[in-house]
Structures are given as C-alpha cells and as structure tokens.
Amino acid sequence: MAHLGSRRGRVLALPVGLALTASLGFLPSGASAAELSDAPAKAAVATDGPKLSYVVNIEGGRWTAASVKKAIAAAGGTVVVSYDQIGVIVVHSQNPGFAKTIRKAKGVVSAGSTRTAPLSVQTDTSVDEGGQALTAAEATAAAAGATDAQDPLEPLQWDLPAIKADKAHQRTTGSKKVTVGVIDTGVDDTHPDLAPNFDAAASANCVTGAPDTTPGSWRPQPGESDHGTHVAGTIAAAKNGIGITGVAPGVKVSGIKVSTPDGFFYTEAVVCGFMWAAERGVEITNNSYYTDPWLFACKNDADQKALIEAVTRATRYAERKGTVNVAAAGNSKMDLAADELTDATSPNDTTPVTRVVDPQQCLDFPAMLPGVVTVSATGAKDLKASYSNYGQGVVDIAAPGGDRTEYQTPEAPAINGRILSTTVEGGYNYKAGTSMASPHAAGVLALLKSTHPHASPAALKALLYAQADDRACTNPYDIEGDGTIDAVCEGGKNKNGFYGAGLIDALDAVRR
C-alpha cells in the first residue's frame, strides 16, 4: 500500500451516490427466466440509468454462455469480454434493473455491479502521495559506502539483509525463466533498474476488463500512481550497478495494469489481470491492493457476492495453470480474524457508509481468498508494522513493509524505516505498507521457483512457509510507545496472527 494508514494513497473525486437497483416492472407479465434467457425481450428495457459495469457468473460450458449472452442482450446489456474458461462475463448496461433481471436467467449463478459510480472517461489523474523522495545527498552518501558487491543504493535497503536476500544473491539472483506479474497501477519499464528484467510479452493493460497489449499500455501515465513501479523494483530491480537491488534481481517482471487513472481497482480489471497472468504462464502474481469499491465485500449482498465469486474463480484458475498469487494484508490495523469489524470507507467511489461486518462473510479480496498468500508487514526492528492488518488463521507470512522511522529505526547505514524502491522517470523513493511487504514475499517465491522449476504452486507455498523464520507473538504490542496496547497477537511461535508462519527467508529459498 502506498503510504501509512491507508490501503493505497489516492485523492478521490467522489461523485454523488447512485441507486443500483430499480423495479423490474418493464418485464412482460408472465415472462419467465427461461423465456428471457432464450428469446429477445418482449418489451423495451429501461436504458435511462447510469452506465455501469457488471460481472455475470455462470455455470455450465460454452452452450450456457451462449444462452446467457442472449439473456444479457435482452436485459439491455452489452458484453465487453467473456472469460469462458471460468464462466465470468463482463457486461455494460444502462438498465437500472439489469442485475436483478439477469440473476433470474437460466445458467446464471450470480451477477452484480462492479462499482457504484458510473462508467465515464476518467480525467482526474490523482497522484499517489505516499512516497518520500530520496535526496541527492542520501544517494551520494549511500554510493560512497557501497561495497563492490552492492548496487549504489543498496546500503539504504535494510529490508534485504532482514530477509537474508543479500546472502542469497551470493548463490543466485534467480532465473530469467521465471516471471512475476505485478497486478497494480502499471509499471514504468523504461526505468534503468527495471528495463533489463522487463517481460513485455507478459504485460498488458486490463483496466476495461479486456487485455490491451498496445506497447506501453501497461505504464502509468503522467500524474498516475507510481505504486506498481515501486512494487516491481522491490521484486526484480536488476543488480546492474545503477540503483537499488530487487529481492530476485535475476528474474523477469511484467506489468499488468488494473487501476483506473483515479486509482480504482475494479473487479473486471482484477479478473482480467489474473486471467492474463494465467494464460501467459506467469509463475507468481503480486497483488498490493483490495478490490474496489468495497474494503470488505459481503457474501450476503447480491452485488458484492458476485464480485467475490468472479475474482475467486480467476485466482483459482490461475493457480491451476501454475501461478502462485500473493497479496497484501492491508493497512487498516485491523484484526481480520475478529468477530466483527467496522468499515466506514465503503463504497469508496461514491458516498461511504458505516457498516459493521463479519470478516467470515465479508472479505477483503483478493487477500482473504482461499489459496492466496496473505502477507503482513514488519518494520526495521522486526516487529509488526504499526499499520499492518493481522489475524490468526488469515495472515500466512510476514515480510518487510517498512514503518515510521520513529517507530522502527533501521541500523546504519540505512536511514529511513520505509522501503526504498523504484519510481517513475528513473527515480527512487520510500514507501511503507503491506503493499511493500507483499512483493518481498513474491520475490522470495520467484527465487524458490528458480531453485525448484518443476514445483507446483502448492509445493512452492509449502516451501515458503516451512522455510520462514519463526517469529513469536510480540505481546504487549505498544508500537507507538504511549502506554496503550495497539494490537493483540494470538497464536504460538510457529503460527500466529502477526507473522503467520514467520518472516520470509530468501537464503533458504536458494538452497537446494
């Protein structure tokens, strides 16, 4: 996540709230769902609502998809793309009753709007404000102290020795046959630390829900967030004598852009991202975001249930195709294993309302989906970062995500408690968040895949957890030092809510 205290940094232009449902009174009297699925509508459908995007999840094979597509047209929808491999269809419609209508069609399991704001040309290019710039003086001092084996800025990367990546690099930097897909805000592949390792063939822009492979479409545009570029550098910045070093500086990295210019990660784009990675043979994906507009999407809501279902199908398909999916746990200081949580930020694309949610039924996804590696963040003192979500049985593993320097000060020569990585236009900056922790775990998985090229996703995850360095609960946890307990860790030394199976270990990942 781009900065402390939020899931990712962005300035939101909030349009007025919109009603997503309406009467189905336009349906002809006595018309059944089966009739609707097999024949054109017998009366004109409403088209005066806001243009919204939907996902329609179906059962059965291509015959069912063909039948449902007829029903979609009859209900006033236009198919944008159909992922027949997983039975997910992306649709646009201005019929306010589209979702309720299509849910009745034969073969439809669930359907829902992916947003509460209308589809429009995005012009408010919000800027990610989470970074702290690296100064010229800091860069010069770091370069002067770097050893022959280090890149010039590596002395400032306290996170590499924290996971023994510096020692791992003495053995191997990873295989060029392994690609990590950065599903994010886009990757600036022109950066000199990223260009040598960039996999353009595995890169695309998925913002609409359908992949765009136009060269450069995967890059953030001027004014857009550098979040994905920062993540990519942590994973695979080349060890080339220029700037920083990635956790796996010998592997490939691709950019799969799924964020709108305003910084929203909608379901159709996320589904496209996973499907693109799966079909291009990407071995690992990194997912440092939650799927908008719901911080927690609830299965007892018809729209939100459909969003969870669509992304779940995509992540499972990717894993069946050989991909390990890694995701950030989130920056809300929440216990994701609690009986209930308060969400006052959703929907974040119109007018938020305060909801009390059950995290067993309301998921922060993709992080809380089955099979996804959920990563919490630690700081330079090896403690849970102040902002990091946690939860016994939810967090799988921990990795450096940085923290406020005053909370967790690194040892010299490092000077900043955040994570230093690449930014746009060839620069470098510091960020902190579970967004920064997740790519460290993705990088270690890339090293594992390099060492064990024939290992399945299940085997790679098992190795990641088994090789992690145990971290016992740190209770009492008063990270701010003000006498108030900030969080309570549950579990034992081998598995707990703060650190999961422990802190990732890059050195063990390259030992056969």
Protein backbone atom coordinates (compact mmCIF):
# COMPACT_ATOMS: atom_id res chain seq x y z
CA MET A 1 0.00 0.00 0.00
CA ALA A 2 1.31 3.36 -0.87
CA HIS A 3 1.51 5.13 2.48
CA LEU A 4 0.94 4.60 6.18
CA GLY A 5 -2.61 4.30 7.37
CA SER A 6 -4.38 3.61 4.09
CA ARG A 7 -4.63 0.74 1.68
CA ARG A 8 -3.15 2.83 -1.08
CA GLY A 9 -2.57 6.56 -1.47
CA ARG A 10 -5.01 8.42 -3.67
CA VAL A 11 -7.15 11.52 -3.77
CA LEU A 12 -10.72 10.61 -4.58
CA ALA A 13 -13.14 12.68 -6.60
CA LEU A 14 -16.41 11.39 -5.21
CA PRO A 15 -19.48 11.62 -7.45
CA VAL A 16 -22.91 11.66 -5.85
CA GLY A 17 -24.38 8.36 -4.67
CA LEU A 18 -26.28 6.30 -7.16
CA ALA A 19 -29.07 3.79 -6.74
CA LEU A 20 -28.02 0.48 -8.22
CA THR A 21 -31.35 -1.28 -8.26
CA ALA A 22 -34.75 -0.49 -9.68
CA SER A 23 -38.12 -2.06 -10.31
CA LEU A 24 -38.39 -4.87 -12.80
CA GLY A 25 -41.71 -3.54 -13.99
CA PHE A 26 -40.54 -3.44 -17.60
CA LEU A 27 -40.66 -7.23 -17.82
CA PRO A 28 -43.68 -8.53 -19.69
CA SER A 29 -46.33 -10.02 -17.47
CA GLY A 30 -45.83 -13.74 -17.00
CA ALA A 31 -42.38 -13.82 -18.61
CA SER A 32 -40.20 -16.49 -17.02
CA ALA A 33 -36.44 -16.52 -16.54
CA ALA A 34 -36.16 -19.33 -19.09
CA GLU A 35 -38.10 -17.33 -21.65
CA LEU A 36 -35.85 -14.35 -21.05
CA SER A 37 -32.74 -16.45 -21.48
CA ASP A 38 -33.85 -17.87 -24.82
CA ALA A 39 -35.70 -15.06 -26.53
CA PRO A 40 -35.44 -11.32 -27.10
CA ALA A 41 -37.24 -9.10 -24.61
CA LYS A 42 -40.91 -8.61 -25.46
CA ALA A 43 -40.91 -5.06 -24.15
CA ALA A 44 -38.34 -2.31 -24.23
CA VAL A 45 -35.98 -2.36 -21.28
CA ALA A 46 -35.04 0.77 -19.38
CA THR A 47 -31.87 2.45 -20.59
CA ASP A 48 -32.06 5.69 -18.63
CA GLY A 49 -29.85 4.67 -15.72
CA PRO A 50 -26.15 5.33 -15.20
CA LYS A 51 -23.88 3.20 -17.36
CA LEU A 52 -22.42 0.60 -15.02
CA SER A 53 -20.14 -2.39 -15.34
CA TYR A 54 -21.24 -5.84 -14.19
CA VAL A 55 -19.85 -9.32 -13.79
CA VAL A 56 -22.15 -12.22 -14.60
CA ASN A 57 -21.03 -15.59 -13.25
CA ILE A 58 -22.48 -18.64 -14.97
CA GLU A 59 -22.46 -22.41 -14.63
CA GLY A 60 -22.00 -24.93 -17.39
CA GLY A 61 -19.99 -24.70 -20.58
CA ARG A 62 -19.99 -22.67 -23.77
CA TRP A 63 -23.61 -23.56 -24.58
CA THR A 64 -24.69 -21.97 -21.33
CA ALA A 65 -22.54 -18.93 -22.06
CA ALA A 66 -24.21 -18.50 -25.44
CA SER A 67 -27.66 -18.74 -23.88
CA VAL A 68 -26.78 -16.26 -21.11
CA LYS A 69 -25.36 -13.82 -23.64
CA LYS A 70 -28.76 -13.73 -25.34
CA ALA A 71 -30.34 -13.00 -21.98
CA ILE A 72 -27.81 -10.25 -21.37
CA ALA A 73 -28.73 -8.57 -24.62
CA ALA A 74 -32.44 -8.94 -23.86
CA ALA A 75 -31.90 -7.28 -20.48
CA GLY A 76 -30.16 -4.29 -22.03
CA GLY A 77 -26.57 -5.37 -21.52
CA THR A 78 -23.57 -5.33 -23.83
CA VAL A 79 -20.86 -7.98 -23.42
CA VAL A 80 -17.39 -6.45 -23.05
CA VAL A 81 -15.48 -9.71 -22.69
CA SER A 82 -16.33 -13.28 -21.77
CA TYR A 83 -13.90 -15.48 -19.85
CA ASP A 84 -15.45 -18.78 -20.81
CA GLN A 85 -12.66 -20.70 -19.06
CA ILE A 86 -14.12 -19.62 -15.70
CA GLY A 87 -17.67 -18.66 -16.65
CA VAL A 88 -17.33 -14.92 -15.99
CA ILE A 89 -18.83 -12.37 -18.38
CA VAL A 90 -18.13 -8.63 -18.14
CA VAL A 91 -21.10 -6.51 -19.17
CA HIS A 92 -22.01 -2.83 -19.51
CA SER A 93 -25.60 -1.70 -19.09
CA GLN A 94 -27.70 1.40 -18.50
CA ASN A 95 -30.69 -0.64 -17.37
CA PRO A 96 -31.11 0.12 -13.64
CA GLY A 97 -32.67 -3.32 -13.18
CA PHE A 98 -30.09 -5.27 -15.16
CA ALA A 99 -28.56 -7.18 -12.24
CA LYS A 100 -31.90 -8.27 -10.80
CA THR A 101 -33.10 -9.36 -14.21
CA ILE A 102 -30.05 -11.32 -15.29
CA ARG A 103 -29.86 -13.17 -11.97
CA LYS A 104 -33.13 -14.88 -13.00
CA ALA A 105 -31.74 -16.12 -16.30
CA LYS A 106 -31.11 -19.83 -16.64
CA GLY A 107 -27.46 -20.70 -16.03
CA VAL A 108 -26.62 -17.56 -14.04
CA VAL A 109 -25.12 -18.24 -10.60
CA SER A 110 -24.60 -14.62 -9.53
CA ALA A 111 -24.33 -11.15 -11.03
CA GLY A 112 -23.58 -7.71 -9.70
CA SER A 113 -22.37 -4.24 -10.44
CA THR A 114 -18.63 -3.81 -10.01
CA ARG A 115 -18.96 -0.18 -8.94
CA THR A 116 -21.38 2.40 -7.57
CA ALA A 117 -20.08 5.24 -9.74
CA PRO A 118 -20.97 5.28 -13.45
CA LEU A 119 -18.55 4.38 -16.17
CA SER A 120 -17.01 7.55 -17.54
CA VAL A 121 -13.88 8.92 -19.09
CA GLN A 122 -11.52 9.30 -16.15
CA THR A 123 -9.85 12.69 -16.19
CA ASP A 124 -8.96 13.30 -12.56
CA THR A 125 -5.45 11.84 -12.56
CA SER A 126 -4.95 11.55 -8.82
CA VAL A 127 -1.40 11.44 -7.54
CA ASP A 128 -0.06 8.84 -5.16
CA GLU A 129 1.15 10.91 -2.23
CA GLY A 130 2.69 8.11 -0.23
CA GLY A 131 6.32 8.38 -1.32
CA GLN A 132 9.21 10.12 0.36
CA ALA A 133 11.78 11.22 -2.17
CA LEU A 134 15.35 10.01 -1.93
CA THR A 135 17.58 13.09 -1.72
CA ALA A 136 20.72 13.56 -3.76
CA ALA A 137 22.78 13.78 -0.57
CA GLU A 138 21.40 10.46 0.68
CA ALA A 139 22.11 8.80 -2.64
CA THR A 140 25.66 10.13 -2.76
CA ALA A 141 26.41 9.00 0.79
CA ALA A 142 24.99 5.54 0.12
CA ALA A 143 27.01 5.12 -3.06
CA ALA A 144 30.19 6.14 -1.28
CA GLY A 145 29.66 3.41 1.30
CA ALA A 146 28.56 0.64 -1.06
CA THR A 147 30.80 -2.40 -1.40
CA ASP A 148 31.87 -3.82 -4.75
CA ALA A 149 29.14 -6.45 -4.42
CA GLN A 150 26.40 -3.87 -3.86
CA ASP A 151 24.43 -1.59 -6.13
CA PRO A 152 24.95 2.10 -5.21
CA LEU A 153 21.74 2.48 -3.17
CA GLU A 154 21.75 -0.97 -1.62
CA PRO A 155 23.22 0.26 1.70
CA LEU A 156 19.88 2.04 2.26
CA GLN A 157 17.90 -1.18 1.74
CA TRP A 158 17.73 -2.56 5.29
CA ASP A 159 14.99 -4.91 4.06
CA LEU A 160 17.39 -7.09 2.04
CA PRO A 161 19.57 -8.28 4.94
CA ALA A 162 16.41 -8.55 7.07
CA ILE A 163 15.36 -11.49 4.88
CA LYS A 164 18.93 -12.60 4.01
CA ALA A 165 18.48 -11.63 0.38
CA ASP A 166 22.00 -10.19 0.27
CA LYS A 167 23.38 -13.63 1.18
CA ALA A 168 21.01 -15.35 -1.24
CA HIS A 169 22.40 -13.24 -4.10
CA GLN A 170 25.85 -14.68 -3.48
CA ARG A 171 24.39 -18.01 -4.60
CA THR A 172 21.93 -16.92 -7.29
CA THR A 173 19.87 -13.93 -8.34
CA GLY A 174 17.11 -16.09 -9.83
CA SER A 175 16.21 -17.45 -13.24
CA LYS A 176 15.22 -15.45 -16.32
CA LYS A 177 12.70 -18.22 -16.98
CA VAL A 178 10.59 -17.02 -14.02
CA THR A 179 8.23 -14.04 -14.38
CA VAL A 180 6.43 -12.20 -11.58
CA GLY A 181 3.34 -10.34 -12.75
CA VAL A 182 2.74 -7.05 -10.95
CA ILE A 183 -1.04 -6.63 -10.97
CA ASP A 184 -1.17 -2.98 -10.00
CA THR A 185 -1.23 0.63 -11.23
CA GLY A 186 1.16 -0.09 -14.07
CA VAL A 187 4.92 -0.47 -14.35
CA ASP A 188 7.33 2.04 -15.87
CA ASP A 189 9.50 -0.39 -17.77
CA THR A 190 11.73 2.44 -19.01
CA HIS A 191 13.35 2.72 -15.56
CA PRO A 192 17.00 1.66 -15.89
CA ASP A 193 16.65 -0.75 -12.96
CA LEU A 194 13.57 -2.42 -14.47
CA ALA A 195 14.22 -2.38 -18.21
CA PRO A 196 16.76 -5.27 -18.17
CA ASN A 197 14.29 -7.61 -16.48
CA PHE A 198 11.01 -6.49 -18.00
CA ASP A 199 8.81 -9.06 -19.75
CA ALA A 200 6.75 -7.08 -22.28
CA ALA A 201 5.14 -10.23 -23.70
CA ALA A 202 3.54 -10.91 -20.32
CA SER A 203 2.39 -7.29 -19.84
CA ALA A 204 -0.96 -5.67 -20.63
CA ASN A 205 -3.50 -3.04 -19.64
CA CYS A 206 -6.56 -4.73 -18.14
CA VAL A 207 -8.45 -1.66 -16.88
CA THR A 208 -11.51 -2.22 -19.08
CA GLY A 209 -11.72 -5.91 -18.21
CA ALA A 210 -10.25 -6.96 -21.55
CA PRO A 211 -6.47 -7.01 -22.11
CA ASP A 212 -4.88 -4.28 -24.20
CA THR A 213 -1.41 -5.24 -25.41
CA THR A 214 -0.56 -1.97 -27.12
CA PRO A 215 3.14 -1.36 -26.38
CA GLY A 216 3.47 0.80 -23.28
CA SER A 217 -0.21 0.46 -22.32
CA TRP A 218 0.95 -1.13 -19.06
CA ARG A 219 2.78 2.01 -17.94
CA PRO A 220 1.34 4.62 -15.56
CA GLN A 221 0.53 7.79 -17.43
CA PRO A 222 1.81 11.21 -16.27
CA GLY A 223 0.19 12.02 -12.94
CA GLU A 224 -0.87 8.45 -12.25
CA SER A 225 0.40 6.46 -9.29
CA ASP A 226 3.94 5.05 -9.21
CA HIS A 227 2.74 2.30 -6.86
CA GLY A 228 3.20 -0.58 -9.31
CA THR A 229 6.62 0.69 -10.36
CA HIS A 230 7.74 0.73 -6.72
CA VAL A 231 6.43 -2.81 -6.21
CA ALA A 232 8.21 -4.04 -9.35
CA GLY A 233 11.55 -2.68 -8.15
CA THR A 234 11.28 -4.49 -4.83
CA ILE A 235 10.71 -7.76 -6.68
CA ALA A 236 13.21 -7.63 -9.51
CA ALA A 237 15.26 -4.44 -9.83
CA ALA A 238 18.37 -5.56 -11.72
CA LYS A 239 21.70 -5.92 -9.97
CA ASN A 240 23.39 -3.72 -12.57
CA GLY A 241 25.45 -1.14 -10.72
CA ILE A 242 22.85 1.60 -11.17
CA GLY A 243 20.48 1.98 -8.19
CA ILE A 244 18.71 -0.50 -5.94
CA THR A 245 18.61 -4.30 -5.92
CA GLY A 246 15.45 -6.39 -6.00
CA VAL A 247 14.78 -9.46 -3.88
CA ALA A 248 15.13 -11.59 -7.03
CA PRO A 249 17.21 -9.40 -9.37
CA GLY A 250 17.69 -12.14 -11.95
CA VAL A 251 14.03 -12.94 -12.65
CA LYS A 252 11.61 -11.26 -15.03
CA VAL A 253 8.84 -8.87 -14.03
CA SER A 254 5.75 -7.88 -16.02
CA GLY A 255 3.27 -5.04 -15.67
CA ILE A 256 -0.43 -5.87 -15.62
CA LYS A 257 -2.26 -2.60 -15.19
CA VAL A 258 -5.64 -2.89 -13.48
CA SER A 259 -6.05 0.53 -11.88
CA THR A 260 -8.06 3.39 -13.38
CA PRO A 261 -6.37 6.81 -13.60
CA ASP A 262 -8.17 7.70 -10.37
CA GLY A 263 -6.69 4.67 -8.64
CA PHE A 264 -9.66 2.29 -8.50
CA PHE A 265 -9.14 -1.46 -8.82
CA TYR A 266 -12.47 -2.75 -10.10
CA THR A 267 -13.47 -6.41 -10.32
CA GLU A 268 -13.49 -6.73 -14.10
CA ALA A 269 -9.91 -5.42 -14.28
CA VAL A 270 -8.73 -7.70 -11.47
CA VAL A 271 -10.30 -10.75 -13.14
CA CYS A 272 -8.60 -9.79 -16.40
CA GLY A 273 -5.28 -9.42 -14.56
CA PHE A 274 -5.37 -12.93 -13.12
CA MET A 275 -6.58 -14.45 -16.37
CA TRP A 276 -3.89 -12.67 -18.37
CA ALA A 277 -1.19 -13.90 -16.00
CA ALA A 278 -2.55 -17.44 -16.09
CA GLU A 279 -2.69 -17.64 -19.87
CA ARG A 280 0.79 -16.14 -20.29
CA GLY A 281 2.47 -18.62 -17.95
CA VAL A 282 3.32 -16.06 -15.26
CA GLU A 283 4.61 -18.04 -12.28
CA ILE A 284 3.81 -15.55 -9.49
CA THR A 285 1.47 -12.58 -9.23
CA ASN A 286 1.76 -9.77 -6.70
CA ASN A 287 -1.44 -8.05 -5.60
CA SER A 288 -0.90 -5.00 -3.41
CA TYR A 289 -4.47 -3.67 -3.41
CA TYR A 290 -8.01 -4.51 -2.45
CA THR A 291 -10.79 -4.73 -4.99
CA ASP A 292 -12.85 -1.53 -5.05
CA PRO A 293 -15.27 -0.15 -4.13
CA TRP A 294 -15.68 -2.32 -1.01
CA LEU A 295 -12.96 -2.64 1.63
CA PHE A 296 -14.93 -5.71 2.69
CA ALA A 297 -17.30 -7.28 0.15
CA CYS A 298 -20.12 -9.23 1.79
CA LYS A 299 -21.50 -12.55 0.59
CA ASN A 300 -24.99 -11.67 1.85
CA ASP A 301 -25.23 -8.81 -0.65
CA ALA A 302 -26.17 -9.93 -4.16
CA ASP A 303 -23.86 -7.48 -5.95
CA GLN A 304 -20.87 -7.95 -3.65
CA LYS A 305 -21.25 -11.73 -3.64
CA ALA A 306 -20.86 -11.75 -7.41
CA LEU A 307 -17.63 -9.74 -7.22
CA ILE A 308 -16.10 -12.19 -4.75
CA GLU A 309 -17.19 -15.11 -6.92
CA ALA A 310 -15.67 -13.67 -10.08
CA VAL A 311 -12.26 -12.96 -8.56
CA THR A 312 -12.25 -16.29 -6.70
CA ARG A 313 -12.78 -18.12 -9.99
CA ALA A 314 -9.94 -16.16 -11.58
CA THR A 315 -7.44 -16.80 -8.76
CA ARG A 316 -8.27 -20.49 -8.68
CA TYR A 317 -7.90 -20.77 -12.44
CA ALA A 318 -4.51 -19.04 -12.28
CA GLU A 319 -3.32 -21.43 -9.61
CA ARG A 320 -4.49 -24.43 -11.62
CA LYS A 321 -2.42 -23.06 -14.50
CA GLY A 322 0.68 -22.90 -12.27
CA THR A 323 0.57 -19.41 -10.75
CA VAL A 324 1.13 -18.56 -7.09
CA ASN A 325 -0.90 -15.48 -6.09
CA VAL A 326 0.45 -13.23 -3.33
CA ALA A 327 -1.50 -10.38 -1.74
CA ALA A 328 -1.04 -7.63 0.83
CA ALA A 329 -2.99 -7.98 4.10
CA GLY A 330 -3.97 -4.30 4.26
CA ASN A 331 -3.08 -1.18 6.21
CA SER A 332 -6.07 -0.61 8.50
CA LYS A 333 -4.57 -2.01 11.75
CA MET A 334 -7.45 -4.49 11.78
CA ASP A 335 -7.64 -7.98 13.23
CA LEU A 336 -9.04 -9.84 10.23
CA ALA A 337 -9.91 -12.78 12.50
CA ALA A 338 -12.13 -10.67 14.78
CA ASP A 339 -15.81 -11.43 15.26
CA GLU A 340 -16.75 -8.11 13.70
CA LEU A 341 -15.11 -5.06 12.16
CA THR A 342 -16.28 -1.55 11.35
CA ASP A 343 -15.87 -0.35 7.77
CA ALA A 344 -16.53 3.37 7.32
CA THR A 345 -14.86 3.71 3.91
CA SER A 346 -17.12 1.77 1.53
CA PRO A 347 -18.21 2.25 -1.16
CA ASN A 348 -15.21 4.42 -1.86
CA ASP A 349 -16.23 5.54 -5.35
CA THR A 350 -19.41 7.35 -4.25
CA THR A 351 -20.64 8.04 -0.70
CA PRO A 352 -19.25 5.74 2.02
CA VAL A 353 -21.49 4.42 4.77
CA THR A 354 -20.51 2.94 8.11
CA ARG A 355 -21.07 -0.82 8.29
CA VAL A 356 -20.33 -3.42 10.94
CA VAL A 357 -19.15 -6.52 9.07
CA ASP A 358 -18.32 -10.11 9.88
CA PRO A 359 -14.93 -10.90 8.27
CA GLN A 360 -16.00 -14.52 7.94
CA GLN A 361 -18.66 -13.37 5.48
CA CYS A 362 -17.26 -10.04 4.30
CA LEU A 363 -13.87 -10.37 2.63
CA ASP A 364 -11.01 -8.05 1.83
CA PHE A 365 -10.15 -9.63 -1.50
CA PRO A 366 -8.04 -10.98 -3.12
CA ALA A 367 -6.06 -11.15 0.16
CA MET A 368 -8.66 -13.21 2.04
CA LEU A 369 -9.48 -15.62 -0.78
CA PRO A 370 -8.60 -19.33 -0.42
CA GLY A 371 -5.19 -20.22 -1.82
CA VAL A 372 -3.86 -16.66 -1.92
CA VAL A 373 -0.70 -15.99 0.14
CA THR A 374 -1.64 -13.21 2.58
CA VAL A 375 1.30 -11.08 3.74
CA SER A 376 1.55 -8.83 6.80
CA ALA A 377 4.23 -6.17 7.17
CA THR A 378 7.18 -5.81 9.52
CA GLY A 379 9.43 -2.83 10.17
CA ALA A 380 13.16 -2.39 10.59
CA LYS A 381 13.05 -3.65 14.19
CA ASP A 382 11.43 -6.91 13.06
CA LEU A 383 8.08 -6.05 14.68
CA LYS A 384 4.66 -5.94 13.07
CA ALA A 385 4.35 -2.60 11.33
CA SER A 386 2.10 -0.12 13.10
CA TYR A 387 -0.47 -0.01 10.28
CA SER A 388 -0.47 -3.67 9.24
CA ASN A 389 -3.61 -5.77 9.37
CA TYR A 390 -3.19 -9.09 11.16
CA GLY A 391 -5.24 -12.10 12.17
CA GLN A 392 -4.72 -15.64 13.36
CA GLY A 393 -5.53 -18.01 10.51
CA VAL A 394 -5.70 -15.17 7.97
CA VAL A 395 -2.10 -13.94 7.70
CA ASP A 396 0.09 -16.58 6.10
CA ILE A 397 3.51 -14.97 6.34
CA ALA A 398 5.31 -11.71 7.15
CA ALA A 399 7.76 -9.60 5.14
CA PRO A 400 9.37 -6.16 5.41
CA GLY A 401 6.92 -3.40 4.55
CA GLY A 402 8.56 -0.59 6.47
CA ASP A 403 7.19 1.65 9.19
CA ARG A 404 7.59 5.15 10.52
CA THR A 405 11.26 5.68 11.20
CA GLU A 406 10.49 6.93 14.71
CA TYR A 407 8.69 3.66 15.46
CA GLN A 408 11.25 1.28 13.93
CA THR A 409 14.60 2.88 13.15
CA PRO A 410 16.93 0.87 10.92
CA GLU A 411 20.58 0.24 11.67
CA ALA A 412 23.14 2.36 9.83
CA PRO A 413 23.91 2.87 7.01
CA ALA A 414 20.16 2.76 6.32
CA ILE A 415 18.44 5.95 7.45
CA ASN A 416 14.74 5.55 6.68
CA GLY A 417 12.34 2.99 8.15
CA ARG A 418 10.38 2.78 4.91
CA ILE A 419 11.19 0.70 1.83
CA LEU A 420 13.36 2.24 -0.89
CA SER A 421 12.45 1.27 -4.45
CA THR A 422 11.98 2.50 -7.99
CA THR A 423 9.60 5.26 -9.05
CA VAL A 424 8.66 6.76 -12.41
CA GLU A 425 11.04 8.76 -14.59
CA GLY A 426 14.06 6.81 -13.42
CA GLY A 427 13.83 7.87 -9.78
CA TYR A 428 13.69 6.26 -6.34
CA ASN A 429 11.55 6.88 -3.29
CA TYR A 430 10.48 5.42 0.02
CA LYS A 431 7.07 3.91 0.75
CA ALA A 432 5.66 1.86 3.60
CA GLY A 433 2.72 -0.51 3.68
CA THR A 434 1.71 -4.12 3.27
CA SER A 435 1.92 -3.17 -0.42
CA MET A 436 5.67 -3.16 0.09
CA ALA A 437 5.68 -6.39 2.13
CA SER A 438 3.83 -8.48 -0.45
CA PRO A 439 6.43 -8.01 -3.23
CA HIS A 440 9.17 -9.17 -0.87
CA ALA A 441 7.26 -12.45 -0.50
CA ALA A 442 6.67 -12.58 -4.26
CA GLY A 443 10.40 -12.13 -4.80
CA VAL A 444 11.25 -15.00 -2.46
CA LEU A 445 8.71 -17.19 -4.25
CA ALA A 446 10.45 -16.28 -7.52
CA LEU A 447 13.73 -17.46 -6.03
CA LEU A 448 12.03 -20.66 -4.89
CA LYS A 449 10.62 -21.23 -8.37
CA SER A 450 14.08 -20.60 -9.83
CA THR A 451 15.56 -23.21 -7.49
CA HIS A 452 12.68 -25.68 -7.93
CA PRO A 453 11.49 -25.06 -11.51
CA HIS A 454 9.10 -28.00 -11.55
CA ALA A 455 7.46 -27.28 -8.19
CA SER A 456 3.68 -26.78 -8.20
CA PRO A 457 2.07 -23.70 -6.63
CA ALA A 458 1.11 -25.81 -3.60
CA ALA A 459 4.69 -27.04 -3.20
CA LEU A 460 6.11 -23.52 -3.54
CA LYS A 461 3.76 -22.20 -0.88
CA ALA A 462 4.64 -25.08 1.43
CA LEU A 463 8.35 -24.32 0.99
CA LEU A 464 7.76 -20.61 1.63
CA TYR A 465 6.04 -21.33 4.92
CA ALA A 466 8.37 -24.11 6.03
CA GLN A 467 11.48 -22.02 5.39
CA ALA A 468 10.18 -18.88 7.10
CA ASP A 469 11.98 -17.78 10.26
CA ASP A 470 9.71 -18.25 13.25
CA ARG A 471 8.52 -15.05 14.91
CA ALA A 472 6.72 -15.39 18.22
CA CYS A 473 3.90 -13.05 19.20
CA THR A 474 5.13 -9.67 20.41
CA ASN A 475 2.84 -9.00 23.35
CA PRO A 476 2.33 -6.48 24.79
CA TYR A 477 2.39 -4.60 21.48
CA ASP A 478 2.69 -0.85 22.06
CA ILE A 479 4.37 0.26 18.84
CA GLU A 480 3.65 3.94 19.49
CA GLY A 481 5.20 3.83 22.96
CA ASP A 482 2.36 5.71 24.62
CA GLY A 483 1.33 3.06 27.13
CA THR A 484 -1.68 1.92 25.08
CA ILE A 485 -1.80 -1.60 23.65
CA ASP A 486 -2.19 -1.19 19.89
CA ALA A 487 -2.97 -4.80 18.96
CA VAL A 488 -3.06 -8.28 20.49
CA CYS A 489 -1.29 -11.17 18.81
CA GLU A 490 -2.82 -14.64 19.09
CA GLY A 491 -1.11 -17.94 18.39
CA GLY A 492 2.22 -19.62 19.02
CA LYS A 493 5.79 -19.25 17.80
CA ASN A 494 5.25 -21.34 14.68
CA LYS A 495 1.99 -19.72 13.57
CA ASN A 496 0.32 -16.57 14.84
CA GLY A 497 -1.80 -13.61 13.86
CA PHE A 498 1.01 -11.07 13.50
CA TYR A 499 3.54 -13.03 11.47
CA GLY A 500 1.76 -16.14 10.18
CA ALA A 501 4.38 -18.84 9.59
CA GLY A 502 7.15 -16.31 10.23
CA LEU A 503 9.40 -13.89 8.34
CA ILE A 504 10.30 -14.87 4.76
CA ASP A 505 13.80 -16.24 4.22
CA ALA A 506 15.46 -15.61 0.83
CA LEU A 507 18.61 -17.56 1.66
CA ASP A 508 16.75 -20.77 2.40
CA ALA A 509 14.85 -20.28 -0.85
CA VAL A 510 18.02 -20.72 -2.91
CA ARG A 511 19.37 -23.71 -1.02
CA ARG A 512 18.60 -26.99 -2.72
